[in-house]
Amino acid sequence: LKILLKSQEGKDLRKDEMLNNLNHLIDLNILMADKYSTYTFCNTLVVEVVYNQMLFKVRTNIHKQIAQWYETHHHSEGNDTILAHHWKFAENYQKAIHYYDKAGQKAMEN
């Protein structure tokens, strides 16, 4: 949470500071990391509490940043439902509908 909030305040975290924060959250059994350094929450209740404590503006901005990252780095990997979800919560409904439509078309083809 601290990492997300700092990024929203326009303050850049140094990589070592960010890794220290992530490792601290792992030590507290709040996060877990896989071998690809993908971090996930250990408990869905924690996710809900953290998410609901954020200001709406912060949440929508985080969803926008995630969607933009997926579009830039993993667009061709079939992440249409992920993109649709994040664009929806970023309140970009035009893009959300576009990706939900693509996901639906792909589902009908299979």
Protein backbone atom coordinates (compact mmCIF):
# COMPACT_ATOMS: atom_id res chain seq x y z
CA LEU A 1 0.00 0.00 0.00
CA LYS A 2 2.79 2.39 0.89
CA ILE A 3 4.35 1.75 -2.52
CA LEU A 4 1.10 2.44 -4.33
CA LEU A 5 0.36 5.56 -2.34
CA LYS A 6 3.83 6.98 -2.85
CA SER A 7 3.59 6.39 -6.59
CA GLN A 8 0.28 8.25 -6.63
CA GLU A 9 1.77 11.23 -4.83
CA GLY A 10 4.24 11.73 -7.66
CA LYS A 11 7.19 10.51 -5.61
CA ASP A 12 9.42 8.03 -7.36
CA LEU A 13 10.61 5.14 -5.24
CA ARG A 14 14.11 3.91 -5.80
CA LYS A 15 14.23 0.29 -6.85
CA ASP A 16 16.02 -0.80 -3.67
CA GLU A 17 13.49 1.02 -1.48
CA MET A 18 10.62 -0.60 -3.36
CA LEU A 19 12.18 -4.08 -3.02
CA ASN A 20 12.76 -3.51 0.70
CA ASN A 21 9.09 -2.55 1.11
CA LEU A 22 7.95 -5.60 -0.83
CA ASN A 23 10.22 -7.91 1.17
CA HIS A 24 8.89 -6.41 4.39
CA LEU A 25 5.33 -7.19 3.27
CA ILE A 26 6.43 -10.75 2.45
CA ASP A 27 7.95 -11.11 5.93
CA LEU A 28 4.62 -10.00 7.41
CA ASN A 29 2.79 -12.65 5.31
CA ILE A 30 0.83 -9.96 3.52
CA LEU A 31 2.38 -10.61 0.11
CA MET A 32 3.95 -13.60 -1.57
CA ALA A 33 6.23 -13.65 -4.60
CA ASP A 34 6.76 -16.30 -7.20
CA LYS A 35 9.97 -17.08 -9.07
CA TYR A 36 9.09 -14.40 -11.65
CA SER A 37 8.84 -11.67 -8.97
CA THR A 38 5.09 -11.47 -9.35
CA TYR A 39 3.64 -10.27 -6.07
CA THR A 40 0.19 -11.26 -4.87
CA PHE A 41 -1.67 -10.77 -1.62
CA CYS A 42 -1.82 -13.80 0.66
CA ASN A 43 -5.38 -13.13 1.73
CA THR A 44 -8.32 -11.76 -0.27
CA LEU A 45 -9.62 -9.98 2.81
CA VAL A 46 -6.39 -7.95 2.95
CA VAL A 47 -6.89 -7.00 -0.70
CA GLU A 48 -10.41 -5.82 0.03
CA VAL A 49 -9.41 -3.79 3.08
CA VAL A 50 -6.45 -2.13 1.33
CA TYR A 51 -8.48 -1.43 -1.80
CA ASN A 52 -11.37 0.09 0.14
CA GLN A 53 -9.02 2.34 2.13
CA MET A 54 -7.77 4.03 -1.03
CA LEU A 55 -9.37 7.17 -2.35
CA PHE A 56 -11.53 6.59 -5.42
CA LYS A 57 -9.26 8.83 -7.51
CA VAL A 58 -6.22 6.79 -6.47
CA ARG A 59 -7.94 3.48 -7.30
CA THR A 60 -9.03 4.65 -10.75
CA ASN A 61 -5.52 5.91 -11.48
CA ILE A 62 -3.98 2.59 -10.41
CA HIS A 63 -6.38 0.69 -12.69
CA LYS A 64 -5.49 3.05 -15.54
CA GLN A 65 -1.76 2.49 -15.00
CA ILE A 66 -2.21 -1.29 -14.89
CA ALA A 67 -4.28 -1.27 -18.09
CA GLN A 68 -1.71 0.91 -19.85
CA TRP A 69 1.08 -1.40 -18.72
CA TYR A 70 -0.75 -4.49 -20.03
CA GLU A 71 -1.44 -2.76 -23.34
CA THR A 72 2.22 -1.86 -23.71
CA HIS A 73 3.86 -5.05 -22.46
CA HIS A 74 1.42 -7.96 -22.77
CA HIS A 75 -1.25 -6.92 -25.25
CA SER A 76 -0.75 -9.82 -27.65
CA GLU A 77 -0.94 -12.47 -24.91
CA GLY A 78 -4.73 -12.69 -24.73
CA ASN A 79 -5.24 -10.51 -21.67
CA ASP A 80 -8.46 -9.00 -22.99
CA THR A 81 -10.53 -9.71 -19.86
CA ILE A 82 -7.79 -8.28 -17.63
CA LEU A 83 -7.61 -5.16 -19.80
CA ALA A 84 -11.40 -4.83 -19.83
CA HIS A 85 -11.54 -5.13 -16.04
CA HIS A 86 -8.91 -2.46 -15.43
CA TRP A 87 -10.28 -0.06 -18.06
CA LYS A 88 -13.74 -0.44 -16.53
CA PHE A 89 -12.47 0.51 -13.07
CA ALA A 90 -10.38 3.29 -14.60
CA GLU A 91 -13.72 4.57 -15.92
CA ASN A 92 -12.65 4.31 -19.56
CA TYR A 93 -15.78 2.48 -20.63
CA GLN A 94 -15.06 2.71 -24.35
CA LYS A 95 -11.85 0.70 -23.95
CA ALA A 96 -13.50 -1.66 -21.46
CA ILE A 97 -16.27 -2.48 -23.93
CA HIS A 98 -13.69 -2.96 -26.69
CA TYR A 99 -11.74 -5.53 -24.65
CA TYR A 100 -14.85 -7.28 -23.30
CA ASP A 101 -16.02 -7.61 -26.90
CA LYS A 102 -12.65 -9.04 -28.00
CA ALA A 103 -12.69 -11.52 -25.10
CA GLY A 104 -16.21 -12.60 -26.00
CA GLN A 105 -15.30 -13.08 -29.64
CA LYS A 106 -12.28 -15.20 -28.69
CA ALA A 107 -14.43 -17.29 -26.33
CA MET A 108 -16.95 -17.97 -29.10
CA GLU A 109 -14.15 -19.07 -31.46
CA ASN A 110 -12.91 -21.71 -29.02
